[in-house]
Amino acid sequence: MEAQLLKSASLSRALGLTDLSIWTSARYTRGPVLSDRFNPFQDFPGSIEHFPEGSILSPPEHLRRR
């Protein structure tokens, strides 16, 4: 397990990946650390949350402190 973790870490560094990608359906759930308050609504500002992971994943810490 540790060997696999080291292999994954070196691949992430080599590819310049920023964060763990948990879901692939919405831009703002792919990289939660890079997300901002407007991301869920950038395709259509009046739209409601239509991806289930948006209700499971909380906003990044820097946005919750405001």
N, C-alpha and C. Protein backbone atom coordinates (compact mmCIF):
# COMPACT_ATOMS: atom_id res chain seq x y z
N MET A 1 0.82 -1.20 0.00
CA MET A 1 0.00 0.00 0.00
C MET A 1 0.87 1.26 0.00
N GLU A 2 1.91 1.26 0.81
CA GLU A 2 2.79 2.43 0.88
C GLU A 2 3.51 2.66 -0.45
N ALA A 3 3.89 1.57 -1.11
CA ALA A 3 4.56 1.70 -2.41
C ALA A 3 3.62 2.33 -3.43
N GLN A 4 2.35 1.93 -3.40
CA GLN A 4 1.36 2.49 -4.31
C GLN A 4 1.14 3.98 -4.03
N LEU A 5 1.12 4.35 -2.75
CA LEU A 5 0.95 5.75 -2.37
C LEU A 5 2.13 6.59 -2.86
N LEU A 6 3.34 6.09 -2.70
CA LEU A 6 4.52 6.80 -3.19
C LEU A 6 4.50 6.93 -4.72
N LYS A 7 4.05 5.87 -5.37
CA LYS A 7 3.95 5.91 -6.83
C LYS A 7 2.93 6.95 -7.28
N SER A 8 1.80 7.00 -6.59
CA SER A 8 0.77 7.99 -6.91
C SER A 8 1.26 9.41 -6.65
N ALA A 9 1.98 9.60 -5.56
CA ALA A 9 2.50 10.92 -5.22
C ALA A 9 3.51 11.39 -6.27
N SER A 10 4.37 10.50 -6.72
CA SER A 10 5.36 10.91 -7.73
C SER A 10 4.68 11.19 -9.07
N LEU A 11 3.64 10.44 -9.40
CA LEU A 11 2.89 10.71 -10.63
C LEU A 11 2.19 12.07 -10.55
N SER A 12 1.63 12.38 -9.39
CA SER A 12 0.97 13.68 -9.20
C SER A 12 1.95 14.83 -9.36
N ARG A 13 3.14 14.67 -8.79
CA ARG A 13 4.17 15.71 -8.94
C ARG A 13 4.61 15.85 -10.39
N ALA A 14 4.81 14.72 -11.07
CA ALA A 14 5.26 14.75 -12.46
C ALA A 14 4.24 15.41 -13.38
N LEU A 15 2.95 15.16 -13.11
CA LEU A 15 1.90 15.73 -13.95
C LEU A 15 1.45 17.11 -13.50
N GLY A 16 1.92 17.54 -12.34
CA GLY A 16 1.54 18.85 -11.82
C GLY A 16 0.10 18.91 -11.36
N LEU A 17 -0.42 17.80 -10.86
CA LEU A 17 -1.81 17.77 -10.38
C LEU A 17 -1.92 18.57 -9.09
N THR A 18 -3.02 19.28 -8.93
CA THR A 18 -3.17 20.17 -7.78
C THR A 18 -3.86 19.53 -6.59
N ASP A 19 -4.81 18.64 -6.84
CA ASP A 19 -5.62 18.12 -5.74
C ASP A 19 -6.27 16.81 -6.16
N LEU A 20 -6.80 16.13 -5.19
CA LEU A 20 -7.53 14.89 -5.43
C LEU A 20 -8.81 15.17 -6.22
N SER A 21 -9.06 14.41 -7.24
CA SER A 21 -10.31 14.52 -8.00
C SER A 21 -11.21 13.37 -7.59
N ILE A 22 -12.31 13.69 -6.91
CA ILE A 22 -13.20 12.66 -6.40
C ILE A 22 -14.27 12.31 -7.42
N TRP A 23 -14.87 13.32 -8.02
CA TRP A 23 -15.93 13.13 -9.01
C TRP A 23 -15.52 13.77 -10.32
N THR A 24 -16.14 13.32 -11.40
CA THR A 24 -15.79 13.85 -12.72
C THR A 24 -16.93 14.61 -13.39
N SER A 25 -18.07 14.71 -12.77
CA SER A 25 -19.23 15.27 -13.46
C SER A 25 -19.25 16.79 -13.53
N ALA A 26 -18.82 17.48 -12.51
CA ALA A 26 -18.90 18.94 -12.50
C ALA A 26 -17.54 19.56 -12.24
N ARG A 27 -17.26 20.69 -12.88
CA ARG A 27 -15.96 21.34 -12.70
C ARG A 27 -15.66 21.66 -11.25
N TYR A 28 -16.65 22.13 -10.51
CA TYR A 28 -16.40 22.56 -9.14
C TYR A 28 -16.28 21.41 -8.15
N THR A 29 -16.59 20.17 -8.58
CA THR A 29 -16.36 19.02 -7.69
C THR A 29 -15.10 18.27 -8.06
N ARG A 30 -14.51 18.57 -9.20
CA ARG A 30 -13.26 17.91 -9.59
C ARG A 30 -12.09 18.39 -8.75
N GLY A 31 -12.01 19.68 -8.52
CA GLY A 31 -10.94 20.26 -7.72
C GLY A 31 -11.52 21.17 -6.66
N PRO A 32 -12.06 20.61 -5.57
CA PRO A 32 -12.76 21.43 -4.57
C PRO A 32 -11.93 22.56 -3.98
N VAL A 33 -10.63 22.39 -3.87
CA VAL A 33 -9.78 23.43 -3.28
C VAL A 33 -9.73 24.66 -4.18
N LEU A 34 -9.85 24.45 -5.47
CA LEU A 34 -9.78 25.54 -6.43
C LEU A 34 -11.13 26.18 -6.72
N SER A 35 -12.15 25.67 -6.10
CA SER A 35 -13.51 26.14 -6.36
C SER A 35 -13.78 27.49 -5.72
N ASP A 36 -14.76 28.21 -6.25
CA ASP A 36 -15.21 29.45 -5.63
C ASP A 36 -16.73 29.43 -5.52
N ARG A 37 -17.32 30.46 -4.98
CA ARG A 37 -18.76 30.46 -4.72
C ARG A 37 -19.61 30.44 -5.98
N PHE A 38 -19.10 30.94 -7.07
CA PHE A 38 -19.90 31.05 -8.29
C PHE A 38 -19.80 29.82 -9.19
N ASN A 39 -18.83 28.97 -8.96
CA ASN A 39 -18.61 27.82 -9.84
C ASN A 39 -19.84 26.98 -10.15
N PRO A 40 -20.69 26.62 -9.18
CA PRO A 40 -21.85 25.79 -9.52
C PRO A 40 -22.81 26.47 -10.48
N PHE A 41 -22.74 27.78 -10.59
CA PHE A 41 -23.73 28.52 -11.37
C PHE A 41 -23.15 29.18 -12.63
N GLN A 42 -21.92 28.86 -12.99
CA GLN A 42 -21.31 29.56 -14.11
C GLN A 42 -21.89 29.15 -15.47
N ASP A 43 -22.48 27.98 -15.59
CA ASP A 43 -23.11 27.61 -16.85
C ASP A 43 -24.45 28.32 -17.03
N PHE A 44 -25.17 28.47 -15.95
CA PHE A 44 -26.46 29.17 -15.98
C PHE A 44 -26.69 29.77 -14.60
N PRO A 45 -26.56 31.07 -14.42
CA PRO A 45 -26.61 31.71 -13.10
C PRO A 45 -27.86 31.41 -12.26
N GLY A 46 -28.98 31.14 -12.89
CA GLY A 46 -30.20 30.86 -12.12
C GLY A 46 -30.44 29.39 -11.87
N SER A 47 -29.49 28.55 -12.26
CA SER A 47 -29.71 27.11 -12.14
C SER A 47 -29.60 26.63 -10.70
N ILE A 48 -30.28 25.54 -10.43
CA ILE A 48 -30.18 24.92 -9.10
C ILE A 48 -29.09 23.86 -9.15
N GLU A 49 -28.69 23.38 -8.02
CA GLU A 49 -27.68 22.32 -7.94
C GLU A 49 -28.27 21.04 -8.55
N HIS A 50 -27.66 20.54 -9.60
CA HIS A 50 -28.19 19.34 -10.23
C HIS A 50 -27.23 18.16 -10.20
N PHE A 51 -26.10 18.30 -9.55
CA PHE A 51 -25.18 17.18 -9.36
C PHE A 51 -25.27 16.73 -7.91
N PRO A 52 -25.49 15.45 -7.66
CA PRO A 52 -25.64 14.99 -6.28
C PRO A 52 -24.42 15.25 -5.40
N GLU A 53 -23.24 15.22 -5.98
CA GLU A 53 -22.04 15.42 -5.16
C GLU A 53 -21.93 16.85 -4.64
N GLY A 54 -22.59 17.79 -5.27
CA GLY A 54 -22.58 19.16 -4.78
C GLY A 54 -23.25 19.30 -3.43
N SER A 55 -24.16 18.41 -3.10
CA SER A 55 -24.80 18.45 -1.79
C SER A 55 -24.07 17.60 -0.76
N ILE A 56 -23.12 16.80 -1.20
CA ILE A 56 -22.33 15.96 -0.29
C ILE A 56 -21.04 16.67 0.10
N LEU A 57 -20.43 17.33 -0.85
CA LEU A 57 -19.13 17.98 -0.66
C LEU A 57 -19.33 19.40 -0.16
N SER A 58 -18.72 19.71 0.96
CA SER A 58 -18.86 21.07 1.51
C SER A 58 -17.92 22.04 0.79
N PRO A 59 -18.19 23.33 0.86
CA PRO A 59 -17.30 24.31 0.24
C PRO A 59 -15.91 24.28 0.89
N PRO A 60 -14.89 24.72 0.19
CA PRO A 60 -13.55 24.76 0.75
C PRO A 60 -13.50 25.61 2.03
N GLU A 61 -12.58 25.32 2.89
CA GLU A 61 -12.44 26.00 4.18
C GLU A 61 -12.33 27.51 4.02
N HIS A 62 -11.55 27.98 3.03
CA HIS A 62 -11.37 29.43 2.87
C HIS A 62 -12.67 30.14 2.51
N LEU A 63 -13.64 29.44 1.95
CA LEU A 63 -14.93 30.06 1.65
C LEU A 63 -15.89 29.98 2.84
N ARG A 64 -15.71 28.99 3.70
CA ARG A 64 -16.59 28.86 4.87
C ARG A 64 -16.24 29.86 5.95
N ARG A 65 -15.03 30.39 5.96
CA ARG A 65 -14.60 31.34 7.00
C ARG A 65 -15.14 32.73 6.78
N ARG A 66 -15.66 33.03 5.61
CA ARG A 66 -16.14 34.39 5.31
C ARG A 66 -17.43 34.70 5.98
